Amino acid sequence: MDRTQPLEPTSDGAAAGAALTPRPHYAVPAQPGWALPPGPLEEAVAVGPWPLQWSPVACGQARKAVREVLPRWGLGEIVHAAELLVSELVGNALRHAFDPLRLTLERMSGLRCTVSDGSPARPRQTAAGPDDEYGRGLELVDLLATRWGCDRAAVGKNVWFELSAQPTSPGALYDLDDLNDLNDLSDLNDLSDAA
């Protein structure tokens, strides 16, 4: 099921997502060590944008931001799904786009996570074959996110996903521990020994 959202006009005539409506915003400056600064984070509507390093370290930085912010917003139940999906978006940007790389988290009824990069090229879902090493990330985003999409930015693009805090949302239906069990192939070795 495709839940991507094209650019749509808003009531003020601007393209949705192209420029976010001004809201109370708690900007978090980039700091070595990625500690959140003191302040009223619990009341913030958005945090970021955080500049991410242009290296695989960026995935860990983005996951850490998600782990630190979401519980303080009362969204602890979606941390695991958000960590997985933000890693996919940051990984895609590192593989297919270029600097600058940034992360913004917005609290809505759930979460909107935006990864911005310097490339105008939109992400594309691909049909990965059984032996392909890559090509499944956006399928995972489509499966777990309530909605996701890509908007043009002044420089590059913003790729985003939303997760609902409601237990009936797609992202809340999947226990990531169950998905991790799919990676445990030790039982297959037992089957091949019996054959």
N, C-alpha and C. Protein backbone atom coordinates (compact mmCIF):
# COMPACT_ATOMS: atom_id res chain seq x y z
N MET A 1 0.84 -1.17 0.00
CA MET A 1 0.00 0.00 0.00
C MET A 1 0.89 1.23 0.00
N ASP A 2 0.65 2.13 -0.91
CA ASP A 2 1.46 3.33 -1.05
C ASP A 2 0.81 4.47 -0.28
N ARG A 3 1.51 4.97 0.75
CA ARG A 3 1.00 6.08 1.55
C ARG A 3 1.82 7.34 1.32
N THR A 4 2.50 7.45 0.20
CA THR A 4 3.27 8.65 -0.07
C THR A 4 2.32 9.79 -0.38
N GLN A 5 2.74 10.98 -0.09
CA GLN A 5 1.88 12.15 -0.28
C GLN A 5 2.57 13.12 -1.22
N PRO A 6 1.93 13.46 -2.34
CA PRO A 6 2.51 14.46 -3.23
C PRO A 6 2.38 15.85 -2.60
N LEU A 7 3.06 16.82 -3.19
CA LEU A 7 2.90 18.20 -2.74
C LEU A 7 1.48 18.64 -3.02
N GLU A 8 0.81 19.15 -2.01
CA GLU A 8 -0.55 19.64 -2.17
C GLU A 8 -0.63 21.06 -1.64
N PRO A 9 -1.43 21.90 -2.29
CA PRO A 9 -1.55 23.27 -1.79
C PRO A 9 -2.19 23.30 -0.41
N THR A 10 -1.73 24.20 0.44
CA THR A 10 -2.34 24.40 1.74
C THR A 10 -3.27 25.58 1.65
N SER A 11 -3.93 25.92 2.75
CA SER A 11 -4.90 27.01 2.72
C SER A 11 -4.26 28.35 2.36
N ASP A 12 -2.95 28.50 2.61
CA ASP A 12 -2.30 29.77 2.26
C ASP A 12 -1.69 29.74 0.86
N GLY A 13 -1.94 28.65 0.11
CA GLY A 13 -1.46 28.55 -1.26
C GLY A 13 -0.07 27.99 -1.40
N ALA A 14 0.65 27.80 -0.30
CA ALA A 14 2.00 27.22 -0.37
C ALA A 14 1.89 25.71 -0.52
N ALA A 15 2.95 25.09 -0.98
CA ALA A 15 2.96 23.64 -1.10
C ALA A 15 3.15 23.04 0.28
N ALA A 16 2.33 22.03 0.60
CA ALA A 16 2.44 21.38 1.91
C ALA A 16 3.83 20.79 2.06
N GLY A 17 4.45 21.07 3.17
CA GLY A 17 5.76 20.51 3.45
C GLY A 17 6.90 21.29 2.83
N ALA A 18 6.63 22.11 1.83
CA ALA A 18 7.72 22.86 1.20
C ALA A 18 8.31 23.87 2.17
N ALA A 19 7.45 24.51 2.93
CA ALA A 19 7.92 25.40 3.99
C ALA A 19 6.97 25.19 5.16
N LEU A 20 7.48 24.72 6.27
CA LEU A 20 6.62 24.44 7.40
C LEU A 20 6.04 25.73 7.96
N THR A 21 4.79 25.67 8.38
CA THR A 21 4.15 26.80 9.01
C THR A 21 4.90 27.15 10.29
N PRO A 22 5.13 28.42 10.57
CA PRO A 22 5.84 28.77 11.79
C PRO A 22 5.10 28.21 13.01
N ARG A 23 5.84 27.54 13.88
CA ARG A 23 5.29 26.96 15.10
C ARG A 23 6.29 27.20 16.21
N PRO A 24 5.86 27.02 17.46
CA PRO A 24 6.86 27.06 18.52
C PRO A 24 7.94 26.02 18.19
N HIS A 25 9.16 26.43 18.21
CA HIS A 25 10.25 25.58 17.72
C HIS A 25 11.40 25.62 18.72
N TYR A 26 11.95 24.49 19.00
CA TYR A 26 13.07 24.41 19.93
C TYR A 26 14.26 23.90 19.13
N ALA A 27 15.05 24.80 18.60
CA ALA A 27 16.17 24.40 17.76
C ALA A 27 17.29 23.84 18.63
N VAL A 28 17.81 22.71 18.22
CA VAL A 28 18.90 22.07 18.95
C VAL A 28 20.16 22.21 18.13
N PRO A 29 21.14 22.97 18.60
CA PRO A 29 22.37 23.13 17.82
C PRO A 29 23.17 21.84 17.77
N ALA A 30 23.94 21.67 16.72
CA ALA A 30 24.81 20.51 16.61
C ALA A 30 25.89 20.63 17.68
N GLN A 31 26.07 19.58 18.42
CA GLN A 31 27.07 19.58 19.48
C GLN A 31 27.81 18.26 19.43
N PRO A 32 29.10 18.27 19.70
CA PRO A 32 29.78 17.00 19.83
C PRO A 32 29.17 16.23 20.99
N GLY A 33 28.95 14.95 20.81
CA GLY A 33 28.37 14.14 21.87
C GLY A 33 26.85 14.08 21.81
N TRP A 34 26.23 14.92 21.03
CA TRP A 34 24.79 14.88 20.81
C TRP A 34 23.96 14.92 22.07
N ALA A 35 24.35 15.69 23.06
CA ALA A 35 23.52 15.86 24.25
C ALA A 35 22.47 16.92 23.97
N LEU A 36 21.26 16.68 24.39
CA LEU A 36 20.23 17.69 24.24
C LEU A 36 20.49 18.81 25.24
N PRO A 37 20.38 20.05 24.81
CA PRO A 37 20.61 21.15 25.75
C PRO A 37 19.47 21.23 26.76
N PRO A 38 19.73 21.84 27.90
CA PRO A 38 18.64 22.01 28.87
C PRO A 38 17.57 22.91 28.28
N GLY A 39 16.36 22.68 28.66
CA GLY A 39 15.28 23.50 28.16
C GLY A 39 13.98 22.73 28.18
N PRO A 40 12.91 23.40 27.80
CA PRO A 40 11.57 22.80 27.90
C PRO A 40 11.26 21.88 26.72
N LEU A 41 12.03 20.83 26.55
CA LEU A 41 11.82 19.93 25.42
C LEU A 41 10.43 19.30 25.45
N GLU A 42 9.92 19.01 26.65
CA GLU A 42 8.61 18.37 26.75
C GLU A 42 7.52 19.22 26.12
N GLU A 43 7.69 20.53 26.10
CA GLU A 43 6.69 21.43 25.53
C GLU A 43 6.97 21.78 24.07
N ALA A 44 8.09 21.36 23.54
CA ALA A 44 8.46 21.71 22.17
C ALA A 44 7.57 20.99 21.17
N VAL A 45 7.29 21.65 20.08
CA VAL A 45 6.53 21.05 18.99
C VAL A 45 7.47 20.42 17.98
N ALA A 46 8.66 20.99 17.84
CA ALA A 46 9.64 20.46 16.89
C ALA A 46 11.03 20.66 17.45
N VAL A 47 11.91 19.74 17.11
CA VAL A 47 13.33 19.89 17.45
C VAL A 47 14.15 19.69 16.18
N GLY A 48 15.20 20.46 16.09
CA GLY A 48 16.04 20.41 14.92
C GLY A 48 15.90 21.70 14.14
N PRO A 49 16.44 21.75 12.98
CA PRO A 49 17.14 20.63 12.31
C PRO A 49 18.54 20.41 12.88
N TRP A 50 18.86 19.15 13.06
CA TRP A 50 20.21 18.77 13.47
C TRP A 50 21.04 18.52 12.22
N PRO A 51 22.18 19.13 12.07
CA PRO A 51 23.09 18.73 10.99
C PRO A 51 23.68 17.36 11.36
N LEU A 52 23.64 16.44 10.44
CA LEU A 52 24.21 15.11 10.64
C LEU A 52 25.53 15.01 9.90
N GLN A 53 26.45 14.23 10.44
CA GLN A 53 27.73 14.02 9.76
C GLN A 53 27.48 13.26 8.46
N TRP A 54 28.26 13.57 7.44
CA TRP A 54 28.14 12.86 6.17
C TRP A 54 28.99 11.60 6.24
N SER A 55 28.52 10.65 7.04
CA SER A 55 29.20 9.37 7.22
C SER A 55 28.20 8.40 7.83
N PRO A 56 28.53 7.11 7.87
CA PRO A 56 27.60 6.14 8.49
C PRO A 56 27.28 6.46 9.95
N VAL A 57 28.10 7.27 10.59
CA VAL A 57 27.84 7.70 11.97
C VAL A 57 26.49 8.43 12.05
N ALA A 58 26.06 9.03 10.96
CA ALA A 58 24.81 9.79 10.94
C ALA A 58 23.62 8.94 11.33
N CYS A 59 23.60 7.66 10.96
CA CYS A 59 22.48 6.79 11.33
C CYS A 59 22.38 6.67 12.84
N GLY A 60 23.51 6.48 13.51
CA GLY A 60 23.53 6.39 14.96
C GLY A 60 23.14 7.71 15.61
N GLN A 61 23.57 8.83 15.04
CA GLN A 61 23.20 10.14 15.57
C GLN A 61 21.68 10.32 15.50
N ALA A 62 21.09 9.95 14.38
CA ALA A 62 19.65 10.10 14.21
C ALA A 62 18.89 9.19 15.17
N ARG A 63 19.34 7.94 15.33
CA ARG A 63 18.68 7.03 16.27
C ARG A 63 18.77 7.56 17.71
N LYS A 64 19.92 8.11 18.06
CA LYS A 64 20.10 8.65 19.42
C LYS A 64 19.14 9.81 19.65
N ALA A 65 18.99 10.68 18.67
CA ALA A 65 18.06 11.80 18.81
C ALA A 65 16.64 11.28 19.04
N VAL A 66 16.24 10.27 18.26
CA VAL A 66 14.91 9.67 18.42
C VAL A 66 14.75 9.08 19.82
N ARG A 67 15.75 8.33 20.29
CA ARG A 67 15.68 7.71 21.62
C ARG A 67 15.60 8.74 22.74
N GLU A 68 16.24 9.88 22.57
CA GLU A 68 16.23 10.89 23.62
C GLU A 68 14.99 11.77 23.59
N VAL A 69 14.47 12.06 22.42
CA VAL A 69 13.35 13.00 22.31
C VAL A 69 12.00 12.34 22.51
N LEU A 70 11.74 11.21 21.85
CA LEU A 70 10.40 10.65 21.86
C LEU A 70 9.88 10.31 23.26
N PRO A 71 10.65 9.68 24.13
CA PRO A 71 10.11 9.42 25.47
C PRO A 71 9.74 10.70 26.22
N ARG A 72 10.47 11.77 25.99
CA ARG A 72 10.17 13.04 26.66
C ARG A 72 8.90 13.67 26.10
N TRP A 73 8.49 13.24 24.92
CA TRP A 73 7.23 13.69 24.34
C TRP A 73 6.08 12.74 24.64
N GLY A 74 6.33 11.70 25.43
CA GLY A 74 5.29 10.71 25.70
C GLY A 74 5.07 9.76 24.55
N LEU A 75 6.05 9.61 23.66
CA LEU A 75 5.93 8.74 22.48
C LEU A 75 6.88 7.56 22.57
N GLY A 76 7.15 7.10 23.78
CA GLY A 76 8.09 6.00 23.98
C GLY A 76 7.70 4.72 23.28
N GLU A 77 6.40 4.50 23.07
CA GLU A 77 5.96 3.25 22.44
C GLU A 77 6.31 3.15 20.96
N ILE A 78 6.69 4.25 20.33
CA ILE A 78 7.04 4.18 18.91
C ILE A 78 8.53 4.39 18.66
N VAL A 79 9.34 4.39 19.72
CA VAL A 79 10.77 4.63 19.57
C VAL A 79 11.42 3.61 18.65
N HIS A 80 11.14 2.31 18.84
CA HIS A 80 11.81 1.27 18.05
C HIS A 80 11.49 1.40 16.56
N ALA A 81 10.22 1.61 16.24
CA ALA A 81 9.84 1.77 14.83
C ALA A 81 10.48 3.03 14.26
N ALA A 82 10.49 4.13 15.03
CA ALA A 82 11.07 5.39 14.55
C ALA A 82 12.57 5.25 14.33
N GLU A 83 13.28 4.53 15.22
CA GLU A 83 14.72 4.31 15.04
C GLU A 83 15.00 3.56 13.75
N LEU A 84 14.21 2.52 13.49
CA LEU A 84 14.41 1.73 12.27
C LEU A 84 14.18 2.59 11.03
N LEU A 85 13.09 3.34 11.02
CA LEU A 85 12.75 4.12 9.83
C LEU A 85 13.69 5.30 9.61
N VAL A 86 14.12 5.96 10.70
CA VAL A 86 15.06 7.07 10.52
C VAL A 86 16.39 6.54 10.00
N SER A 87 16.79 5.35 10.43
CA SER A 87 18.02 4.74 9.90
C SER A 87 17.90 4.49 8.40
N GLU A 88 16.74 4.04 7.97
CA GLU A 88 16.52 3.79 6.54
C GLU A 88 16.63 5.09 5.74
N LEU A 89 15.98 6.15 6.22
CA LEU A 89 16.02 7.41 5.47
C LEU A 89 17.42 8.02 5.45
N VAL A 90 18.11 7.99 6.58
CA VAL A 90 19.48 8.52 6.61
C VAL A 90 20.39 7.67 5.73
N GLY A 91 20.26 6.35 5.82
CA GLY A 91 21.06 5.46 4.98
C GLY A 91 20.82 5.70 3.49
N ASN A 92 19.56 5.91 3.11
CA ASN A 92 19.24 6.21 1.70
C ASN A 92 19.89 7.51 1.27
N ALA A 93 19.83 8.52 2.13
CA ALA A 93 20.45 9.80 1.78
C ALA A 93 21.95 9.63 1.59
N LEU A 94 22.60 8.90 2.50
CA LEU A 94 24.04 8.70 2.38
C LEU A 94 24.40 7.95 1.10
N ARG A 95 23.55 7.03 0.70
CA ARG A 95 23.84 6.20 -0.48
C ARG A 95 23.51 6.91 -1.80
N HIS A 96 22.44 7.71 -1.80
CA HIS A 96 21.94 8.23 -3.08
C HIS A 96 21.95 9.75 -3.21
N ALA A 97 22.31 10.50 -2.16
CA ALA A 97 22.20 11.96 -2.22
C ALA A 97 23.54 12.58 -1.83
N PHE A 98 23.50 13.81 -1.39
CA PHE A 98 24.71 14.49 -0.95
C PHE A 98 24.36 15.52 0.11
N ASP A 99 25.44 16.06 0.71
CA ASP A 99 25.33 17.02 1.81
C ASP A 99 24.55 18.26 1.35
N PRO A 100 23.93 19.00 2.25
CA PRO A 100 23.88 18.86 3.70
C PRO A 100 22.82 17.83 4.12
N LEU A 101 23.06 17.16 5.22
CA LEU A 101 22.17 16.14 5.77
C LEU A 101 21.68 16.64 7.12
N ARG A 102 20.34 16.66 7.29
CA ARG A 102 19.75 17.21 8.51
C ARG A 102 18.57 16.36 8.97
N LEU A 103 18.29 16.41 10.27
CA LEU A 103 17.17 15.69 10.87
C LEU A 103 16.31 16.65 11.66
N THR A 104 15.00 16.56 11.46
CA THR A 104 14.04 17.34 12.24
C THR A 104 12.96 16.39 12.75
N LEU A 105 12.60 16.52 14.02
CA LEU A 105 11.52 15.74 14.62
C LEU A 105 10.41 16.70 14.99
N GLU A 106 9.16 16.34 14.64
CA GLU A 106 8.00 17.16 14.97
C GLU A 106 6.99 16.31 15.73
N ARG A 107 6.47 16.87 16.80
CA ARG A 107 5.41 16.19 17.56
C ARG A 107 4.08 16.66 17.03
N MET A 108 3.26 15.71 16.65
CA MET A 108 1.90 15.98 16.18
C MET A 108 1.01 15.12 17.06
N SER A 109 0.03 14.41 16.50
CA SER A 109 -0.69 13.42 17.29
C SER A 109 0.23 12.22 17.52
N GLY A 110 1.26 12.14 16.73
CA GLY A 110 2.31 11.14 16.87
C GLY A 110 3.63 11.82 16.56
N LEU A 111 4.33 11.31 15.56
CA LEU A 111 5.65 11.84 15.21
C LEU A 111 5.72 12.06 13.71
N ARG A 112 6.37 13.14 13.32
CA ARG A 112 6.80 13.34 11.94
C ARG A 112 8.31 13.52 11.99
N CYS A 113 9.01 12.67 11.27
CA CYS A 113 10.46 12.69 11.23
C CYS A 113 10.87 13.05 9.80
N THR A 114 11.71 14.08 9.67
CA THR A 114 12.14 14.55 8.36
C THR A 114 13.65 14.47 8.24
N VAL A 115 14.12 13.82 7.17
CA VAL A 115 15.54 13.77 6.84
C VAL A 115 15.71 14.59 5.57
N SER A 116 16.52 15.62 5.66
CA SER A 116 16.75 16.52 4.53
C SER A 116 18.15 16.29 3.98
N ASP A 117 18.27 16.35 2.65
CA ASP A 117 19.59 16.24 2.03
C ASP A 117 19.68 17.23 0.89
N GLY A 118 20.85 17.29 0.26
CA GLY A 118 21.10 18.29 -0.77
C GLY A 118 20.72 17.90 -2.18
N SER A 119 20.19 16.71 -2.38
CA SER A 119 19.85 16.25 -3.73
C SER A 119 18.38 16.47 -4.03
N PRO A 120 18.05 16.97 -5.23
CA PRO A 120 16.64 17.13 -5.58
C PRO A 120 15.99 15.82 -6.04
N ALA A 121 16.77 14.77 -6.26
CA ALA A 121 16.23 13.50 -6.76
C ALA A 121 15.35 12.83 -5.70
N ARG A 122 14.13 12.49 -6.11
CA ARG A 122 13.19 11.85 -5.19
C ARG A 122 13.56 10.38 -4.97
N PRO A 123 13.30 9.86 -3.78
CA PRO A 123 13.56 8.44 -3.55
C PRO A 123 12.58 7.59 -4.35
N ARG A 124 13.03 6.41 -4.76
CA ARG A 124 12.18 5.51 -5.55
C ARG A 124 12.15 4.13 -4.90
N GLN A 125 10.95 3.59 -4.78
CA GLN A 125 10.84 2.21 -4.33
C GLN A 125 11.27 1.32 -5.48
N THR A 126 12.02 0.28 -5.16
CA THR A 126 12.46 -0.65 -6.18
C THR A 126 11.94 -2.04 -5.85
N ALA A 127 11.90 -2.88 -6.85
CA ALA A 127 11.50 -4.27 -6.65
C ALA A 127 12.77 -5.09 -6.47
N ALA A 128 13.16 -5.29 -5.22
CA ALA A 128 14.38 -6.03 -4.92
C ALA A 128 14.14 -7.52 -5.12
N GLY A 129 15.12 -8.16 -5.73
CA GLY A 129 15.05 -9.61 -5.90
C GLY A 129 15.49 -10.31 -4.63
N PRO A 130 15.28 -11.62 -4.54
CA PRO A 130 15.60 -12.35 -3.32
C PRO A 130 17.09 -12.31 -2.96
N ASP A 131 17.96 -12.14 -3.93
CA ASP A 131 19.39 -12.12 -3.65
C ASP A 131 19.98 -10.71 -3.61
N ASP A 132 19.15 -9.69 -3.82
CA ASP A 132 19.63 -8.31 -3.81
C ASP A 132 19.97 -7.87 -2.40
N GLU A 133 21.09 -7.19 -2.27
CA GLU A 133 21.53 -6.69 -0.97
C GLU A 133 20.79 -5.42 -0.57
N TYR A 134 20.36 -4.64 -1.52
CA TYR A 134 19.72 -3.36 -1.26
C TYR A 134 18.35 -3.32 -1.94
N GLY A 135 17.56 -2.30 -1.60
CA GLY A 135 16.32 -2.08 -2.32
C GLY A 135 15.06 -2.36 -1.53
N ARG A 136 15.17 -2.62 -0.24
CA ARG A 136 13.98 -2.92 0.54
C ARG A 136 13.63 -1.84 1.56
N GLY A 137 14.46 -0.84 1.71
CA GLY A 137 14.28 0.17 2.75
C GLY A 137 12.98 0.93 2.65
N LEU A 138 12.65 1.43 1.46
CA LEU A 138 11.41 2.20 1.32
C LEU A 138 10.19 1.30 1.43
N GLU A 139 10.32 0.01 1.10
CA GLU A 139 9.21 -0.92 1.33
C GLU A 139 8.93 -1.02 2.82
N LEU A 140 9.99 -1.06 3.62
CA LEU A 140 9.85 -1.10 5.07
C LEU A 140 9.22 0.19 5.59
N VAL A 141 9.66 1.32 5.07
CA VAL A 141 9.07 2.60 5.46
C VAL A 141 7.58 2.60 5.11
N ASP A 142 7.23 2.13 3.93
CA ASP A 142 5.84 2.10 3.50
C ASP A 142 5.01 1.16 4.38
N LEU A 143 5.60 0.08 4.82
CA LEU A 143 4.91 -0.89 5.66
C LEU A 143 4.65 -0.36 7.07
N LEU A 144 5.66 0.26 7.67
CA LEU A 144 5.56 0.64 9.08
C LEU A 144 5.03 2.05 9.33
N ALA A 145 5.25 2.97 8.41
CA ALA A 145 4.84 4.36 8.63
C ALA A 145 3.34 4.53 8.39
N THR A 146 2.74 5.46 9.12
CA THR A 146 1.35 5.82 8.88
C THR A 146 1.24 6.49 7.52
N ARG A 147 2.18 7.41 7.24
CA ARG A 147 2.31 8.09 5.94
C ARG A 147 3.77 8.39 5.75
N TRP A 148 4.16 8.59 4.50
CA TRP A 148 5.51 9.06 4.21
C TRP A 148 5.49 9.77 2.87
N GLY A 149 6.52 10.57 2.63
CA GLY A 149 6.56 11.29 1.38
C GLY A 149 7.86 12.05 1.21
N CYS A 150 7.89 12.84 0.15
CA CYS A 150 9.07 13.62 -0.19
C CYS A 150 8.61 14.98 -0.70
N ASP A 151 9.18 16.03 -0.15
CA ASP A 151 8.85 17.40 -0.55
C ASP A 151 10.10 18.11 -1.02
N ARG A 152 9.93 19.00 -1.98
CA ARG A 152 11.05 19.84 -2.40
C ARG A 152 11.42 20.80 -1.29
N ALA A 153 12.69 21.14 -1.22
CA ALA A 153 13.18 22.12 -0.25
C ALA A 153 13.95 23.19 -1.01
N ALA A 154 14.30 24.26 -0.33
CA ALA A 154 15.08 25.32 -0.97
C ALA A 154 16.37 24.75 -1.54
N VAL A 155 16.98 23.85 -0.81
CA VAL A 155 18.16 23.12 -1.27
C VAL A 155 17.86 21.64 -1.09
N GLY A 156 17.71 20.90 -2.17
CA GLY A 156 17.49 19.47 -2.08
C GLY A 156 16.05 19.09 -1.80
N LYS A 157 15.89 18.15 -0.86
CA LYS A 157 14.56 17.62 -0.58
C LYS A 157 14.44 17.25 0.90
N ASN A 158 13.19 17.05 1.31
CA ASN A 158 12.86 16.57 2.64
C ASN A 158 12.11 15.25 2.47
N VAL A 159 12.66 14.17 2.98
CA VAL A 159 11.97 12.89 2.97
C VAL A 159 11.48 12.67 4.40
N TRP A 160 10.21 12.34 4.55
CA TRP A 160 9.62 12.28 5.88
C TRP A 160 8.74 11.06 6.04
N PHE A 161 8.55 10.69 7.30
CA PHE A 161 7.55 9.68 7.63
C PHE A 161 6.82 10.12 8.87
N GLU A 162 5.61 9.59 9.02
CA GLU A 162 4.82 9.85 10.22
C GLU A 162 4.49 8.52 10.88
N LEU A 163 4.55 8.51 12.19
CA LEU A 163 4.12 7.37 12.99
C LEU A 163 3.06 7.87 13.95
N SER A 164 1.99 7.13 14.06
CA SER A 164 0.93 7.48 14.98
C SER A 164 1.20 6.84 16.33
N ALA A 165 0.80 7.53 17.38
CA ALA A 165 0.92 6.96 18.73
C ALA A 165 -0.27 6.06 19.02
N GLN A 166 -1.22 5.97 18.11
CA GLN A 166 -2.39 5.14 18.31
C GLN A 166 -2.06 3.68 18.04
N PRO A 167 -2.56 2.74 18.86
CA PRO A 167 -2.21 1.32 18.68
C PRO A 167 -2.75 0.73 17.38
N THR A 168 -3.65 1.43 16.68
CA THR A 168 -4.18 0.89 15.43
C THR A 168 -3.40 1.33 14.21
N SER A 169 -2.37 2.16 14.40
CA SER A 169 -1.59 2.63 13.26
C SER A 169 -0.65 1.54 12.78
N PRO A 170 -0.29 1.55 11.48
CA PRO A 170 0.61 0.51 10.98
C PRO A 170 1.90 0.38 11.76
N GLY A 171 2.52 1.50 12.13
CA GLY A 171 3.79 1.43 12.85
C GLY A 171 3.66 0.83 14.22
N ALA A 172 2.49 0.95 14.83
CA ALA A 172 2.31 0.41 16.17
C ALA A 172 1.88 -1.06 16.13
N LEU A 173 1.48 -1.57 14.97
CA LEU A 173 1.01 -2.94 14.89
C LEU A 173 2.14 -3.96 14.90
N TYR A 174 3.32 -3.54 14.54
CA TYR A 174 4.43 -4.46 14.41
C TYR A 174 5.34 -4.36 15.62
N ASP A 175 5.57 -5.46 16.27
CA ASP A 175 6.53 -5.51 17.36
C ASP A 175 7.88 -5.77 16.71
N LEU A 176 8.80 -4.83 16.83
CA LEU A 176 10.08 -4.96 16.15
C LEU A 176 10.89 -6.13 16.68
N ASP A 177 10.58 -6.60 17.91
CA ASP A 177 11.24 -7.82 18.39
C ASP A 177 10.84 -9.00 17.52
N ASP A 178 9.56 -9.01 17.07
CA ASP A 178 9.12 -10.08 16.17
C ASP A 178 9.85 -9.98 14.84
N LEU A 179 10.05 -8.74 14.33
CA LEU A 179 10.77 -8.58 13.08
C LEU A 179 12.22 -9.01 13.24
N ASN A 180 12.81 -8.75 14.41
CA ASN A 180 14.19 -9.18 14.66
C ASN A 180 14.29 -10.69 14.65
N ASP A 181 13.23 -11.38 15.09
CA ASP A 181 13.24 -12.84 15.09
C ASP A 181 13.38 -13.38 13.67
N LEU A 182 12.92 -12.62 12.68
CA LEU A 182 13.05 -13.06 11.29
C LEU A 182 14.51 -13.16 10.87
N ASN A 183 15.37 -12.40 11.54
CA ASN A 183 16.79 -12.43 11.21
C ASN A 183 17.53 -13.61 11.82
N ASP A 184 16.87 -14.31 12.77
CA ASP A 184 17.50 -15.45 13.41
C ASP A 184 17.28 -16.67 12.53
N LEU A 185 18.30 -17.04 11.80
CA LEU A 185 18.19 -18.15 10.85
C LEU A 185 18.76 -19.44 11.41
N SER A 186 19.03 -19.48 12.71
CA SER A 186 19.63 -20.68 13.28
C SER A 186 18.72 -21.89 13.15
N ASP A 187 17.40 -21.68 13.17
CA ASP A 187 16.48 -22.80 13.02
C ASP A 187 16.58 -23.42 11.64
N LEU A 188 16.96 -22.64 10.62
CA LEU A 188 17.09 -23.18 9.27
C LEU A 188 18.24 -24.18 9.20
N ASN A 189 19.28 -23.95 9.99
CA ASN A 189 20.38 -24.91 10.02
C ASN A 189 19.91 -26.26 10.52
N ASP A 190 19.02 -26.29 11.51
CA ASP A 190 18.48 -27.54 12.02
C ASP A 190 17.70 -28.25 10.94
N LEU A 191 16.95 -27.50 10.12
CA LEU A 191 16.16 -28.12 9.05
C LEU A 191 17.07 -28.73 7.98
N SER A 192 18.14 -28.03 7.65
CA SER A 192 19.01 -28.54 6.59
C SER A 192 19.77 -29.78 7.07
N ASP A 193 20.06 -29.88 8.38
CA ASP A 193 20.72 -31.07 8.91
C ASP A 193 19.81 -32.27 8.85
N ALA A 194 18.49 -32.04 9.01
CA ALA A 194 17.55 -33.15 9.02
C ALA A 194 17.29 -33.69 7.62
N ALA A 195 17.54 -32.92 6.62
CA ALA A 195 17.22 -33.34 5.23
C ALA A 195 18.16 -34.36 4.68
